[in-house]
């Protein structure tokens, strides 16, 4: 039963001239003041969601994007700031790209956020998908096997640091601690100071390809999963749900179908489905221009990718259309009643699913996004049994 509703913001400016026939993504470039203003947009999102009773606000860690598409480089720092701007809203890291961190620094930073926010910051991890980001920080991404190998070792270190008062690690990439002299003895163990106060740490990870190895890894550490609505367009949601559940079962943990998972959707509410599609289409297309080439949304041919880079070719090319995404269930568009019916069908199909994340496509203007969040909260969420978590008052 769905009881928690989240939303997300990746840190984009209000993109002008959006859509396949609009400005090519590689031709976009913005002044620093406009890029920096995305941080204040995040404040507006969070305060609005807090007032409206949403459960959690998710942001994404990204770097080096003068195109104005994903402009929040440190979501832990931003999340802790936002807990001071809000009262009960949780703030999620969707996600910390661990290959761009030293695992102990990431563990320390999250522990501080957990302590200072009184448990309102949610931890999240991912392997990354922008070569410009990950490779620039000295970590592999072009070599996917090396990227996964490093990621898995880093996560092992992070959970050791969270869960063990004293720990050590000896792996391919890290030896922790180094065997160095320290105040009269040889260093053999470390202690994270402080450790998170809330254990086990709630941790989320995106589910993309959903290999058995990835699901078994998540089950090993008790990691929860986020399935993007784009997966629905390829019919992968059912498979991901079943294989995630099976991986936990192999470790002796029985989950209801959908338990420890979240489904993410983009949405647009309007007076009709046709109007919603018309309003959202340019931003859906902008999302495709940004993420389709990175193979995050659906499989695209090289010819389609080339066409999305050229606004003159786009109108006649066979590119993904929002109408197809709506029909496949990957994009929620229509009246509040339309969207309630779609989400109720999801709720019936996955009885263990208790949370949903619904947001707007990249580049949607702030005023439009806030209006859509308000409509969703007041016209859709009341149809579900929402749960408002209580947050302990800070100690005097």
Protein backbone atom coordinates (compact mmCIF):
# COMPACT_ATOMS: atom_id res chain seq x y z
CA UNK A 1 0.00 0.00 0.00
CA UNK A 2 1.42 3.39 -1.01
CA UNK A 3 1.83 5.60 2.06
CA UNK A 4 4.79 7.83 1.13
CA UNK A 5 5.13 10.24 -1.78
CA UNK A 6 8.50 11.69 -2.76
CA UNK A 7 9.64 14.02 -5.51
CA UNK A 8 12.99 14.96 -7.02
CA UNK A 9 14.96 17.79 -8.58
CA UNK A 10 18.24 17.20 -10.39
CA UNK A 11 19.41 20.81 -10.27
CA UNK A 12 18.45 22.19 -13.70
CA UNK A 13 17.84 25.77 -14.70
CA UNK A 14 14.56 26.76 -16.39
CA UNK A 15 15.55 25.65 -19.89
CA UNK A 16 14.40 27.91 -22.70
CA UNK A 17 13.54 26.62 -26.17
CA UNK A 18 13.14 22.98 -25.03
CA UNK A 19 12.35 19.95 -27.18
CA UNK A 20 13.78 18.03 -30.11
CA UNK A 21 13.47 21.07 -32.37
CA UNK A 22 14.94 23.34 -29.70
CA UNK A 23 18.48 24.19 -28.66
CA UNK A 24 20.85 21.18 -28.89
CA UNK A 25 22.04 20.08 -25.46
CA UNK A 26 25.72 20.57 -26.36
CA UNK A 27 25.02 24.15 -27.47
CA UNK A 28 23.63 25.21 -24.09
CA UNK A 29 25.91 27.24 -21.81
CA UNK A 30 24.97 29.55 -18.96
CA UNK A 31 26.59 32.15 -16.73
CA UNK A 32 27.75 31.14 -13.27
CA UNK A 33 25.07 33.21 -11.52
CA UNK A 34 22.32 31.34 -13.36
CA UNK A 35 23.92 27.97 -12.65
CA UNK A 36 24.31 28.85 -8.97
CA UNK A 37 20.66 29.84 -8.74
CA UNK A 38 19.71 26.17 -9.11
CA UNK A 39 20.70 25.78 -5.44
CA UNK A 40 18.06 28.34 -4.46
CA UNK A 41 15.55 26.53 -6.66
CA UNK A 42 16.21 23.45 -4.52
CA UNK A 43 15.32 25.52 -1.45
CA UNK A 44 12.01 26.50 -3.06
CA UNK A 45 11.24 22.87 -3.91
CA UNK A 46 11.99 21.66 -0.41
CA UNK A 47 10.01 24.33 1.43
CA UNK A 48 7.04 23.78 -0.87
CA UNK A 49 7.12 20.01 -0.42
CA UNK A 50 7.51 20.30 3.33
CA UNK A 51 4.38 22.44 3.56
CA UNK A 52 2.43 20.05 1.34
CA UNK A 53 3.19 16.89 3.31
CA UNK A 54 5.56 15.05 0.98
CA UNK A 55 7.76 12.38 2.56
CA UNK A 56 11.15 13.02 0.93
CA UNK A 57 12.88 15.31 -1.56
CA UNK A 58 15.61 13.67 -3.66
CA UNK A 59 18.53 15.38 -5.40
CA UNK A 60 21.27 14.07 -7.68
CA UNK A 61 25.05 14.54 -7.39
CA UNK A 62 26.58 15.83 -10.62
CA UNK A 63 29.54 17.90 -11.75
CA UNK A 64 30.89 20.08 -14.58
CA UNK A 65 27.61 20.80 -16.40
CA UNK A 66 27.60 24.36 -17.82
CA UNK A 67 24.66 23.20 -19.96
CA UNK A 68 22.48 23.90 -16.90
CA UNK A 69 21.09 20.40 -16.62
CA UNK A 70 22.40 18.91 -13.33
CA UNK A 71 24.09 21.51 -11.16
CA UNK A 72 24.23 20.21 -7.54
CA UNK A 73 27.74 18.83 -6.91
CA UNK A 74 27.33 17.89 -3.23
CA UNK A 75 23.92 16.57 -2.26
CA UNK A 76 24.94 15.74 1.32
CA UNK A 77 25.91 19.36 1.94
CA UNK A 78 22.71 20.53 0.23
CA UNK A 79 20.56 18.01 2.09
CA UNK A 80 21.85 19.09 5.49
CA UNK A 81 21.21 22.73 4.57
CA UNK A 82 17.64 21.92 3.50
CA UNK A 83 16.81 20.19 6.77
CA UNK A 84 17.37 23.60 8.33
CA UNK A 85 14.95 25.15 5.84
CA UNK A 86 12.16 22.63 6.52
CA UNK A 87 10.37 21.01 9.46
CA UNK A 88 9.64 17.35 8.75
CA UNK A 89 10.63 16.69 5.13
CA UNK A 90 13.31 14.04 4.63
CA UNK A 91 16.00 14.81 2.07
CA UNK A 92 17.47 12.00 -0.01
CA UNK A 93 20.80 11.63 -1.77
CA UNK A 94 19.80 10.28 -5.15
CA UNK A 95 22.65 9.46 -5.42
CA UNK A 96 26.17 9.85 -4.04
CA UNK A 97 28.40 8.58 -6.86
CA UNK A 98 30.87 6.60 -4.79
CA UNK A 99 33.66 6.26 -7.42
CA UNK A 100 34.07 10.05 -7.17
CA UNK A 101 34.60 9.83 -3.38
CA UNK A 102 37.02 8.30 -0.97
CA UNK A 103 34.70 5.86 0.82
CA UNK A 104 35.73 6.98 4.29
CA UNK A 105 35.05 10.64 3.50
CA UNK A 106 31.63 9.71 2.19
CA UNK A 107 30.89 7.63 5.30
CA UNK A 108 32.03 10.46 7.58
CA UNK A 109 30.01 13.11 5.74
CA UNK A 110 26.84 11.02 5.86
CA UNK A 111 27.34 10.27 9.55
CA UNK A 112 27.59 13.99 10.29
CA UNK A 113 24.45 14.66 8.25
CA UNK A 114 22.58 11.91 10.11
CA UNK A 115 23.58 13.32 13.50
CA UNK A 116 22.96 16.99 12.74
CA UNK A 117 19.67 16.44 10.85
CA UNK A 118 18.29 14.08 13.52
CA UNK A 119 17.83 11.36 10.91
CA UNK A 120 16.25 13.38 8.13
CA UNK A 121 18.96 12.79 5.50
CA UNK A 122 18.64 9.56 3.49
CA UNK A 123 21.78 7.88 2.16
CA UNK A 124 22.07 6.82 -1.48
CA UNK A 125 24.83 5.32 -3.63
CA UNK A 126 25.43 4.84 -7.35
CA UNK A 127 28.19 3.97 -9.81
CA UNK A 128 27.80 7.03 -12.07
CA UNK A 129 27.03 7.43 -15.77
CA UNK A 130 28.75 10.62 -16.99
CA UNK A 131 32.27 9.94 -18.27
CA UNK A 132 33.04 13.65 -17.96
CA UNK A 133 32.41 13.43 -14.23
CA UNK A 134 33.69 10.05 -13.09
CA UNK A 135 36.80 9.85 -15.26
CA UNK A 136 37.71 13.46 -14.40
CA UNK A 137 37.84 12.47 -10.74
CA UNK A 138 40.28 9.69 -11.61
CA UNK A 139 37.88 6.76 -11.40
CA UNK A 140 36.94 4.33 -14.19
CA UNK A 141 33.62 4.44 -16.05
CA UNK A 142 34.47 3.56 -19.64
CA UNK A 143 35.70 0.28 -18.17
CA UNK A 144 32.40 -0.85 -16.65
CA UNK A 145 33.89 -3.94 -15.00
CA UNK A 146 36.53 -1.83 -13.24
CA UNK A 147 33.86 0.69 -12.21
CA UNK A 148 31.68 -1.98 -10.61
CA UNK A 149 34.67 -3.61 -8.92
CA UNK A 150 35.70 -0.30 -7.33
CA UNK A 151 32.11 0.55 -6.38
CA UNK A 152 31.56 -2.77 -4.63
CA UNK A 153 34.77 -2.47 -2.62
CA UNK A 154 33.91 1.11 -1.63
CA UNK A 155 30.44 0.12 -0.43
CA UNK A 156 31.92 -2.72 1.62
CA UNK A 157 34.18 -0.19 3.34
CA UNK A 158 31.33 2.26 3.92
CA UNK A 159 29.14 -0.34 5.63
CA UNK A 160 32.05 -1.60 7.74
CA UNK A 161 32.62 1.98 8.87
CA UNK A 162 28.93 2.43 9.68
CA UNK A 163 28.35 -0.85 11.49
CA UNK A 164 31.61 -1.75 13.23
CA UNK A 165 33.04 0.23 16.11
CA UNK A 166 36.52 -0.82 14.95
CA UNK A 167 37.23 -2.04 11.45
CA UNK A 168 39.94 -2.74 8.90
CA UNK A 169 39.87 -3.51 5.20
CA UNK A 170 42.33 -5.16 2.82
CA UNK A 171 41.25 -5.11 -0.82
CA UNK A 172 42.44 -4.41 -4.35
CA UNK A 173 41.95 -0.65 -4.21
CA UNK A 174 42.17 0.16 -0.48
CA UNK A 175 44.16 -0.98 2.53
CA UNK A 176 42.64 0.60 5.61
CA UNK A 177 44.28 1.56 7.79
CA UNK A 178 47.78 1.63 6.37
CA UNK A 179 50.25 -0.11 8.69
CA UNK A 180 51.93 3.11 9.85
CA UNK A 181 53.35 4.00 13.26
CA UNK A 182 51.06 6.14 15.38
CA UNK A 183 51.77 7.33 18.95
CA UNK A 184 53.89 4.31 19.82
CA UNK A 185 51.97 1.52 18.07
CA UNK A 186 51.33 0.24 14.56
CA UNK A 187 47.93 1.20 13.21
CA UNK A 188 45.69 -1.84 12.67
CA UNK A 189 42.09 -0.58 13.01
CA UNK A 190 40.04 2.55 12.47
CA UNK A 191 36.90 3.98 14.07
CA UNK A 192 34.58 6.30 12.17
CA UNK A 193 33.94 9.35 14.38
CA UNK A 194 31.11 9.94 14.58
CA UNK A 195 29.24 6.93 13.29
CA UNK A 196 25.60 7.35 12.25
CA UNK A 197 23.22 7.27 15.19
CA UNK A 198 20.51 5.43 13.25
CA UNK A 199 21.59 1.89 12.41
CA UNK A 200 21.25 0.07 10.14
CA UNK A 201 21.64 2.97 7.75
CA UNK A 202 18.76 3.29 5.27
CA UNK A 203 20.47 3.14 1.89
CA UNK A 204 19.03 3.44 -1.64
CA UNK A 205 20.48 2.60 -5.03
CA UNK A 206 19.13 3.05 -8.58
CA UNK A 207 18.17 -0.06 -10.53
CA UNK A 208 19.08 0.22 -14.21
CA UNK A 209 20.07 -2.99 -16.00
CA UNK A 210 19.20 -5.11 -12.97
CA UNK A 211 21.71 -7.97 -13.30
CA UNK A 212 21.63 -10.87 -10.80
CA UNK A 213 25.02 -9.72 -9.49
CA UNK A 214 23.64 -6.23 -8.80
CA UNK A 215 20.54 -7.56 -7.00
CA UNK A 216 22.59 -9.99 -4.90
CA UNK A 217 24.91 -7.13 -3.95
CA UNK A 218 21.97 -4.98 -2.83
CA UNK A 219 20.50 -7.82 -0.78
CA UNK A 220 23.87 -8.47 0.90
CA UNK A 221 23.87 -4.98 2.40
CA UNK A 222 20.11 -4.51 2.82
CA UNK A 223 20.03 -1.78 0.16
CA UNK A 224 16.68 -0.51 -1.14
CA UNK A 225 16.11 0.14 -4.84
CA UNK A 226 14.68 2.90 -7.01
CA UNK A 227 13.19 1.85 -10.35
CA UNK A 228 12.75 4.74 -12.76
CA UNK A 229 9.43 5.04 -14.55
CA UNK A 230 11.29 4.85 -17.85
CA UNK A 231 11.74 1.15 -17.14
CA UNK A 232 8.00 0.77 -17.55
CA UNK A 233 8.36 1.78 -21.18
CA UNK A 234 10.49 -1.27 -21.78
CA UNK A 235 8.38 -3.51 -19.55
CA UNK A 236 11.25 -4.06 -17.13
CA UNK A 237 9.48 -3.12 -13.87
CA UNK A 238 7.96 -6.56 -13.31
CA UNK A 239 11.29 -8.26 -13.94
CA UNK A 240 13.15 -5.90 -11.61
CA UNK A 241 10.53 -6.39 -8.89
CA UNK A 242 10.72 -10.18 -9.11
CA UNK A 243 14.51 -10.42 -9.30
CA UNK A 244 15.04 -7.98 -6.43
CA UNK A 245 12.68 -10.04 -4.28
CA UNK A 246 14.41 -13.28 -5.33
CA UNK A 247 17.84 -11.91 -4.38
CA UNK A 248 16.62 -11.11 -0.87
CA UNK A 249 15.00 -14.57 -0.65
CA UNK A 250 18.38 -16.16 -1.42
CA UNK A 251 19.63 -14.50 1.77
CA UNK A 252 16.66 -15.77 3.76
CA UNK A 253 14.69 -12.50 3.73
CA UNK A 254 11.13 -12.79 2.45
CA UNK A 255 9.75 -9.57 0.97
CA UNK A 256 6.32 -8.75 -0.40
CA UNK A 257 6.40 -7.83 -4.08
CA UNK A 258 7.53 -4.19 -4.21
CA UNK A 259 8.82 -4.03 -0.62
CA UNK A 260 12.02 -1.97 -0.11
CA UNK A 261 11.52 -0.47 -3.56
CA UNK A 262 10.36 2.86 -4.93
CA UNK A 263 8.92 3.56 -8.36
CA UNK A 264 9.84 6.87 -9.95
CA UNK A 265 7.58 8.59 -12.47
CA UNK A 266 7.42 11.88 -14.29
CA UNK A 267 3.99 13.46 -14.38
CA UNK A 268 1.89 16.35 -15.62
CA UNK A 269 -1.60 17.24 -14.37
CA UNK A 270 -3.94 19.18 -16.66
CA UNK A 271 -7.60 19.41 -17.62
CA UNK A 272 -7.21 16.40 -19.93
CA UNK A 273 -4.65 13.79 -20.93
CA UNK A 274 -4.16 15.53 -24.27
CA UNK A 275 -3.49 18.87 -22.58
CA UNK A 276 -1.03 17.31 -20.15
CA UNK A 277 0.85 15.66 -23.01
CA UNK A 278 0.94 18.96 -24.90
CA UNK A 279 2.29 20.87 -21.88
CA UNK A 280 4.94 18.29 -20.93
CA UNK A 281 6.10 17.17 -24.39
CA UNK A 282 8.94 19.72 -24.86
CA UNK A 283 10.45 18.84 -21.47
CA UNK A 284 10.02 15.11 -22.03
CA UNK A 285 11.96 15.58 -25.26
CA UNK A 286 14.61 17.64 -23.46
CA UNK A 287 15.00 14.74 -21.02
CA UNK A 288 15.51 12.39 -23.94
CA UNK A 289 18.15 14.69 -25.42
CA UNK A 290 19.99 14.69 -22.09
CA UNK A 291 19.60 11.10 -20.87
CA UNK A 292 18.74 9.06 -23.96
CA UNK A 293 22.23 9.34 -25.38
CA UNK A 294 23.56 8.08 -22.04
CA UNK A 295 21.31 5.02 -22.41
CA UNK A 296 19.51 5.77 -19.15
CA UNK A 297 15.95 6.06 -20.44
CA UNK A 298 15.52 3.48 -23.19
CA UNK A 299 17.61 1.85 -25.87
CA UNK A 300 18.19 4.27 -28.72
CA UNK A 301 19.94 3.62 -32.01
CA UNK A 302 23.00 5.61 -33.05
CA UNK A 303 20.85 7.19 -35.75
CA UNK A 304 18.30 8.38 -33.16
CA UNK A 305 21.07 9.82 -30.98
CA UNK A 306 22.49 11.73 -33.95
CA UNK A 307 19.03 13.06 -34.82
CA UNK A 308 18.47 14.34 -31.28
CA UNK A 309 21.66 16.41 -31.59
CA UNK A 310 20.34 18.16 -34.71
CA UNK A 311 17.08 20.16 -34.43
CA UNK A 312 16.76 20.16 -38.22
CA UNK A 313 16.65 16.37 -38.40
CA UNK A 314 14.53 15.81 -35.29
CA UNK A 315 11.07 16.59 -36.74
CA UNK A 316 11.34 13.85 -39.37
CA UNK A 317 13.27 11.30 -37.29
CA UNK A 318 11.61 8.42 -35.47
CA UNK A 319 12.33 9.61 -31.94
CA UNK A 320 10.68 8.60 -28.65
CA UNK A 321 7.40 10.43 -28.14
CA UNK A 322 5.68 11.31 -24.89
CA UNK A 323 2.48 9.73 -26.22
CA UNK A 324 4.27 6.36 -26.30
CA UNK A 325 5.63 6.84 -22.77
CA UNK A 326 2.15 7.66 -21.47
CA UNK A 327 0.65 4.64 -23.22
CA UNK A 328 3.37 2.37 -21.80
CA UNK A 329 2.82 3.70 -18.27
CA UNK A 330 6.21 5.37 -17.90
CA UNK A 331 4.83 8.94 -17.80
CA UNK A 332 1.72 9.95 -15.83
CA UNK A 333 -0.36 12.49 -17.74
CA UNK A 334 -3.95 13.64 -17.41
CA UNK A 335 -6.45 14.75 -14.83
CA UNK A 336 -5.96 13.96 -11.13
CA UNK A 337 -8.48 11.16 -11.54
CA UNK A 338 -6.46 9.70 -14.44
CA UNK A 339 -3.29 9.68 -12.35
CA UNK A 340 -5.01 8.25 -9.27
CA UNK A 341 -6.35 5.38 -11.38
CA UNK A 342 -2.90 4.64 -12.78
CA UNK A 343 -1.25 4.68 -9.35
CA UNK A 344 -4.01 2.57 -7.80
CA UNK A 345 -3.37 -0.04 -10.50
CA UNK A 346 0.34 0.00 -9.58
CA UNK A 347 -0.57 -0.34 -5.90
CA UNK A 348 -2.71 -3.41 -6.62
CA UNK A 349 -0.01 -5.00 -8.78
CA UNK A 350 2.77 -4.57 -6.20
CA UNK A 351 1.25 -5.03 -2.72
CA UNK A 352 4.56 -4.48 -0.91
CA UNK A 353 5.22 -1.11 -2.57
CA UNK A 354 4.81 1.66 0.00
CA UNK A 355 6.42 4.67 -1.69
CA UNK A 356 6.34 6.49 -4.99
CA UNK A 357 8.43 9.33 -6.40
CA UNK A 358 6.71 11.67 -8.86
CA UNK A 359 8.51 14.63 -10.41
CA UNK A 360 8.72 16.80 -13.50
CA UNK A 361 11.05 16.39 -16.49
CA UNK A 362 14.40 18.15 -16.49
CA UNK A 363 14.23 21.85 -17.33
CA UNK A 364 10.61 22.40 -16.26
CA UNK A 365 10.29 26.02 -15.09
CA UNK A 366 10.24 26.44 -11.32
CA UNK A 367 6.82 28.12 -11.25
CA UNK A 368 5.32 25.24 -13.25
CA UNK A 369 7.01 22.63 -11.07
CA UNK A 370 5.75 24.17 -7.83
CA UNK A 371 2.23 24.43 -9.22
CA UNK A 372 2.35 20.78 -10.29
CA UNK A 373 3.65 19.67 -6.87
CA UNK A 374 0.77 21.51 -5.22
CA UNK A 375 -1.82 19.93 -7.47
CA UNK A 376 -0.38 16.47 -6.95
CA UNK A 377 -0.36 16.91 -3.18
CA UNK A 378 -3.88 18.30 -2.93
CA UNK A 379 -5.63 16.37 -5.72
CA UNK A 380 -3.83 13.01 -5.93
CA UNK A 381 -2.18 12.18 -2.59
CA UNK A 382 -5.42 12.33 -0.52
CA UNK A 383 -6.64 9.24 -2.42
CA UNK A 384 -3.91 7.23 -0.71
CA UNK A 385 -3.21 6.39 2.92
CA UNK A 386 -0.26 8.68 3.47
CA UNK A 387 1.99 8.29 6.48
CA UNK A 388 3.60 11.32 8.07
CA UNK A 389 6.67 10.40 10.05
CA UNK A 390 7.34 12.26 13.28
CA UNK A 391 10.76 13.83 13.63
CA UNK A 392 12.27 14.03 17.13
CA UNK A 393 12.86 17.49 18.50
CA UNK A 394 16.53 18.48 18.82
CA UNK A 395 17.96 18.00 22.28
CA UNK A 396 18.08 21.12 24.38
